[in-house]
């Protein structure tokens, strides 16, 4: 069984990789983020700092906040993925700003897109956060 500190470290690692990945796509590869990408970043970027500080200070209550950030960010990612890949959603998608939210900068294997990568990160952080909350409720200090 993993220690609660290791759960926070794992969640922080996922948030850090997701954040660095999004910065790589926009700053190195020069992919201009669409409006929905910016909203996803709003819910991912703070988690790097929140989880990092929580890990250092052993403040497990942060999992409640990171779970909510992940649920909201994951919902946005799922919607963004749907408007990229599901015709019904694509046809009813609102128009975004300069860069259309329906565009695919990345389309590995025909289904892996940037919003899907963000969704996976939000899911991992959400599951880890839920596990920390559950361990806190059960009084496990491992």
C-alpha atoms as a PDB file:
ATOM      1  CA  UNK A   1       0.000   0.000   0.000  1.00  0.00           C
ATOM      2  CA  UNK A   2       1.315   3.443  -0.899  1.00  0.00           C
ATOM      3  CA  UNK A   3       1.783   6.163   1.691  1.00  0.00           C
ATOM      4  CA  UNK A   4      -0.504   9.168   1.377  1.00  0.00           C
ATOM      5  CA  UNK A   5       2.531  11.318   0.656  1.00  0.00           C
ATOM      6  CA  UNK A   6       3.290   9.166  -2.371  1.00  0.00           C
ATOM      7  CA  UNK A   7      -0.243   9.687  -3.657  1.00  0.00           C
ATOM      8  CA  UNK A   8       0.267  13.441  -3.478  1.00  0.00           C
ATOM      9  CA  UNK A   9       3.615  13.072  -5.219  1.00  0.00           C
ATOM     10  CA  UNK A  10       2.033  10.962  -7.968  1.00  0.00           C
ATOM     11  CA  UNK A  11      -0.771  13.493  -8.499  1.00  0.00           C
ATOM     12  CA  UNK A  12       1.757  16.329  -8.539  1.00  0.00           C
ATOM     13  CA  UNK A  13       3.830  14.452 -11.135  1.00  0.00           C
ATOM     14  CA  UNK A  14       0.808  14.022 -13.406  1.00  0.00           C
ATOM     15  CA  UNK A  15      -0.115  17.709 -13.072  1.00  0.00           C
ATOM     16  CA  UNK A  16       3.486  18.749 -13.767  1.00  0.00           C
ATOM     17  CA  UNK A  17       3.785  16.559 -16.884  1.00  0.00           C
ATOM     18  CA  UNK A  18       0.411  17.812 -18.179  1.00  0.00           C
ATOM     19  CA  UNK A  19       1.395  21.425 -17.587  1.00  0.00           C
ATOM     20  CA  UNK A  20       4.813  21.041 -19.186  1.00  0.00           C
ATOM     21  CA  UNK A  21       3.211  19.192 -22.099  1.00  0.00           C
ATOM     22  CA  UNK A  22       0.737  21.991 -22.751  1.00  0.00           C
ATOM     23  CA  UNK A  23       3.506  24.566 -22.537  1.00  0.00           C
ATOM     24  CA  UNK A  24       5.596  22.493 -24.963  1.00  0.00           C
ATOM     25  CA  UNK A  25       2.728  22.381 -27.462  1.00  0.00           C
ATOM     26  CA  UNK A  26       2.126  26.134 -27.270  1.00  0.00           C
ATOM     27  CA  UNK A  27       5.596  27.570 -26.688  1.00  0.00           C
ATOM     28  CA  UNK A  28       7.857  25.155 -28.592  1.00  0.00           C
ATOM     29  CA  UNK A  29       5.598  23.735 -31.298  1.00  0.00           C
ATOM     30  CA  UNK A  30       3.725  27.067 -31.535  1.00  0.00           C
ATOM     31  CA  UNK A  31       0.230  25.501 -31.362  1.00  0.00           C
ATOM     32  CA  UNK A  32      -2.102  28.378 -30.526  1.00  0.00           C
ATOM     33  CA  UNK A  33      -4.489  27.212 -27.765  1.00  0.00           C
ATOM     34  CA  UNK A  34      -8.196  27.502 -28.459  1.00  0.00           C
ATOM     35  CA  UNK A  35     -10.622  28.891 -25.897  1.00  0.00           C
ATOM     36  CA  UNK A  36     -11.470  25.489 -24.411  1.00  0.00           C
ATOM     37  CA  UNK A  37      -7.754  24.703 -24.109  1.00  0.00           C
ATOM     38  CA  UNK A  38      -7.343  27.844 -22.010  1.00  0.00           C
ATOM     39  CA  UNK A  39     -10.169  26.756 -19.704  1.00  0.00           C
ATOM     40  CA  UNK A  40      -8.537  23.364 -19.259  1.00  0.00           C
ATOM     41  CA  UNK A  41      -5.256  25.069 -18.397  1.00  0.00           C
ATOM     42  CA  UNK A  42      -7.049  27.164 -15.773  1.00  0.00           C
ATOM     43  CA  UNK A  43      -7.991  23.950 -13.969  1.00  0.00           C
ATOM     44  CA  UNK A  44      -4.665  22.116 -14.482  1.00  0.00           C
ATOM     45  CA  UNK A  45      -1.917  24.679 -13.882  1.00  0.00           C
ATOM     46  CA  UNK A  46      -2.828  25.567 -10.268  1.00  0.00           C
ATOM     47  CA  UNK A  47      -2.712  21.899  -9.338  1.00  0.00           C
ATOM     48  CA  UNK A  48       1.053  21.854  -9.849  1.00  0.00           C
ATOM     49  CA  UNK A  49       1.442  24.425  -7.080  1.00  0.00           C
ATOM     50  CA  UNK A  50      -1.347  23.111  -4.837  1.00  0.00           C
ATOM     51  CA  UNK A  51      -0.171  19.499  -4.941  1.00  0.00           C
ATOM     52  CA  UNK A  52       3.493  20.462  -4.652  1.00  0.00           C
ATOM     53  CA  UNK A  53       2.879  22.560  -1.538  1.00  0.00           C
ATOM     54  CA  UNK A  54       0.576  19.907  -0.088  1.00  0.00           C
ATOM     55  CA  UNK A  55       3.242  17.241  -0.604  1.00  0.00           C
ATOM     56  CA  UNK A  56       5.935  19.298   1.112  1.00  0.00           C
ATOM     57  CA  UNK A  57       3.643  20.293   4.000  1.00  0.00           C
ATOM     58  CA  UNK A  58       1.830  16.932   4.238  1.00  0.00           C
ATOM     59  CA  UNK A  59      -1.545  18.690   3.894  1.00  0.00           C
ATOM     60  CA  UNK A  60      -3.853  15.990   2.613  1.00  0.00           C
ATOM     61  CA  UNK A  61      -6.961  18.159   2.721  1.00  0.00           C
ATOM     62  CA  UNK A  62      -5.829  19.589  -0.634  1.00  0.00           C
ATOM     63  CA  UNK A  63      -7.231  16.432  -2.250  1.00  0.00           C
ATOM     64  CA  UNK A  64     -10.745  17.837  -1.852  1.00  0.00           C
ATOM     65  CA  UNK A  65      -9.802  20.833  -3.959  1.00  0.00           C
ATOM     66  CA  UNK A  66      -7.797  18.939  -6.555  1.00  0.00           C
ATOM     67  CA  UNK A  67     -10.681  16.484  -6.959  1.00  0.00           C
ATOM     68  CA  UNK A  68     -13.066  19.338  -7.752  1.00  0.00           C
ATOM     69  CA  UNK A  69     -10.585  21.019 -10.098  1.00  0.00           C
ATOM     70  CA  UNK A  70     -10.118  17.690 -11.883  1.00  0.00           C
ATOM     71  CA  UNK A  71     -13.841  17.030 -12.222  1.00  0.00           C
ATOM     72  CA  UNK A  72     -14.470  20.463 -13.726  1.00  0.00           C
ATOM     73  CA  UNK A  73     -11.367  20.406 -15.943  1.00  0.00           C
ATOM     74  CA  UNK A  74     -12.088  16.826 -17.002  1.00  0.00           C
ATOM     75  CA  UNK A  75     -15.636  17.742 -17.969  1.00  0.00           C
ATOM     76  CA  UNK A  76     -14.316  20.543 -20.176  1.00  0.00           C
ATOM     77  CA  UNK A  77     -11.745  18.152 -21.693  1.00  0.00           C
ATOM     78  CA  UNK A  78     -14.415  15.539 -22.394  1.00  0.00           C
ATOM     79  CA  UNK A  79     -16.657  18.108 -24.077  1.00  0.00           C
ATOM     80  CA  UNK A  80     -13.692  19.401 -26.097  1.00  0.00           C
ATOM     81  CA  UNK A  81     -12.826  15.862 -27.181  1.00  0.00           C
ATOM     82  CA  UNK A  82     -16.434  15.234 -28.199  1.00  0.00           C
ATOM     83  CA  UNK A  83     -16.583  18.340 -30.392  1.00  0.00           C
ATOM     84  CA  UNK A  84     -13.400  17.163 -32.094  1.00  0.00           C
ATOM     85  CA  UNK A  85     -14.414  13.537 -32.653  1.00  0.00           C
ATOM     86  CA  UNK A  86     -18.217  13.135 -32.524  1.00  0.00           C
ATOM     87  CA  UNK A  87     -20.032  14.547 -35.570  1.00  0.00           C
ATOM     88  CA  UNK A  88     -23.162  15.562 -33.616  1.00  0.00           C
ATOM     89  CA  UNK A  89     -21.111  17.625 -31.179  1.00  0.00           C
ATOM     90  CA  UNK A  90     -18.881  19.003 -33.933  1.00  0.00           C
ATOM     91  CA  UNK A  91     -21.893  20.272 -35.870  1.00  0.00           C
ATOM     92  CA  UNK A  92     -23.415  21.956 -32.809  1.00  0.00           C
ATOM     93  CA  UNK A  93     -20.154  23.326 -31.362  1.00  0.00           C
ATOM     94  CA  UNK A  94     -20.091  27.019 -30.564  1.00  0.00           C
ATOM     95  CA  UNK A  95     -17.586  29.074 -32.477  1.00  0.00           C
ATOM     96  CA  UNK A  96     -14.458  29.753 -30.494  1.00  0.00           C
ATOM     97  CA  UNK A  97     -12.143  32.695 -30.841  1.00  0.00           C
ATOM     98  CA  UNK A  98      -9.242  32.849 -33.311  1.00  0.00           C
ATOM     99  CA  UNK A  99      -8.484  29.111 -33.238  1.00  0.00           C
ATOM    100  CA  UNK A 100     -11.471  26.766 -33.695  1.00  0.00           C
ATOM    101  CA  UNK A 101     -12.020  24.311 -30.849  1.00  0.00           C
ATOM    102  CA  UNK A 102     -12.860  21.603 -33.393  1.00  0.00           C
ATOM    103  CA  UNK A 103      -9.352  21.641 -34.862  1.00  0.00           C
ATOM    104  CA  UNK A 104      -6.855  18.859 -34.178  1.00  0.00           C
ATOM    105  CA  UNK A 105      -3.221  19.867 -33.843  1.00  0.00           C
ATOM    106  CA  UNK A 106      -2.478  16.360 -32.699  1.00  0.00           C
ATOM    107  CA  UNK A 107      -4.266  13.208 -33.853  1.00  0.00           C
ATOM    108  CA  UNK A 108      -2.186  10.176 -32.937  1.00  0.00           C
ATOM    109  CA  UNK A 109      -3.659   6.825 -34.019  1.00  0.00           C
ATOM    110  CA  UNK A 110      -6.802   8.645 -35.133  1.00  0.00           C
ATOM    111  CA  UNK A 111      -8.128   9.268 -31.617  1.00  0.00           C
ATOM    112  CA  UNK A 112      -5.423  10.665 -29.312  1.00  0.00           C
ATOM    113  CA  UNK A 113      -5.751  14.445 -29.212  1.00  0.00           C
ATOM    114  CA  UNK A 114      -4.590  17.138 -26.821  1.00  0.00           C
ATOM    115  CA  UNK A 115      -7.985  17.278 -25.031  1.00  0.00           C
ATOM    116  CA  UNK A 116      -7.865  13.483 -24.579  1.00  0.00           C
ATOM    117  CA  UNK A 117      -4.402  13.754 -23.017  1.00  0.00           C
ATOM    118  CA  UNK A 118      -5.710  16.455 -20.670  1.00  0.00           C
ATOM    119  CA  UNK A 119      -8.736  14.293 -19.822  1.00  0.00           C
ATOM    120  CA  UNK A 120      -6.483  11.366 -18.936  1.00  0.00           C
ATOM    121  CA  UNK A 121      -4.416  13.611 -16.652  1.00  0.00           C
ATOM    122  CA  UNK A 122      -7.550  14.965 -14.955  1.00  0.00           C
ATOM    123  CA  UNK A 123      -8.842  11.409 -14.469  1.00  0.00           C
ATOM    124  CA  UNK A 124      -5.562  10.256 -12.889  1.00  0.00           C
ATOM    125  CA  UNK A 125      -5.424  13.255 -10.549  1.00  0.00           C
ATOM    126  CA  UNK A 126      -9.104  12.805  -9.691  1.00  0.00           C
ATOM    127  CA  UNK A 127      -8.683   9.113  -8.841  1.00  0.00           C
ATOM    128  CA  UNK A 128      -5.604   9.815  -6.742  1.00  0.00           C
ATOM    129  CA  UNK A 129      -7.355  12.688  -4.953  1.00  0.00           C
ATOM    130  CA  UNK A 130     -10.356  10.492  -4.233  1.00  0.00           C
ATOM    131  CA  UNK A 131      -8.070   7.806  -2.810  1.00  0.00           C
ATOM    132  CA  UNK A 132      -6.404  10.337  -0.486  1.00  0.00           C
ATOM    133  CA  UNK A 133      -9.823  11.595   0.673  1.00  0.00           C
ATOM    134  CA  UNK A 134     -10.945   8.032   1.328  1.00  0.00           C
ATOM    135  CA  UNK A 135      -7.793   7.252   3.310  1.00  0.00           C
ATOM    136  CA  UNK A 136      -8.322  10.407   5.374  1.00  0.00           C
ATOM    137  CA  UNK A 137     -11.920   9.438   6.161  1.00  0.00           C
ATOM    138  CA  UNK A 138     -10.882   5.941   7.165  1.00  0.00           C
ATOM    139  CA  UNK A 139      -8.184   7.399   9.389  1.00  0.00           C
ATOM    140  CA  UNK A 140      -5.329   5.689   7.585  1.00  0.00           C
ATOM    141  CA  UNK A 141      -2.086   7.484   8.240  1.00  0.00           C
ATOM    142  CA  UNK A 142       0.013   5.268   6.020  1.00  0.00           C
END
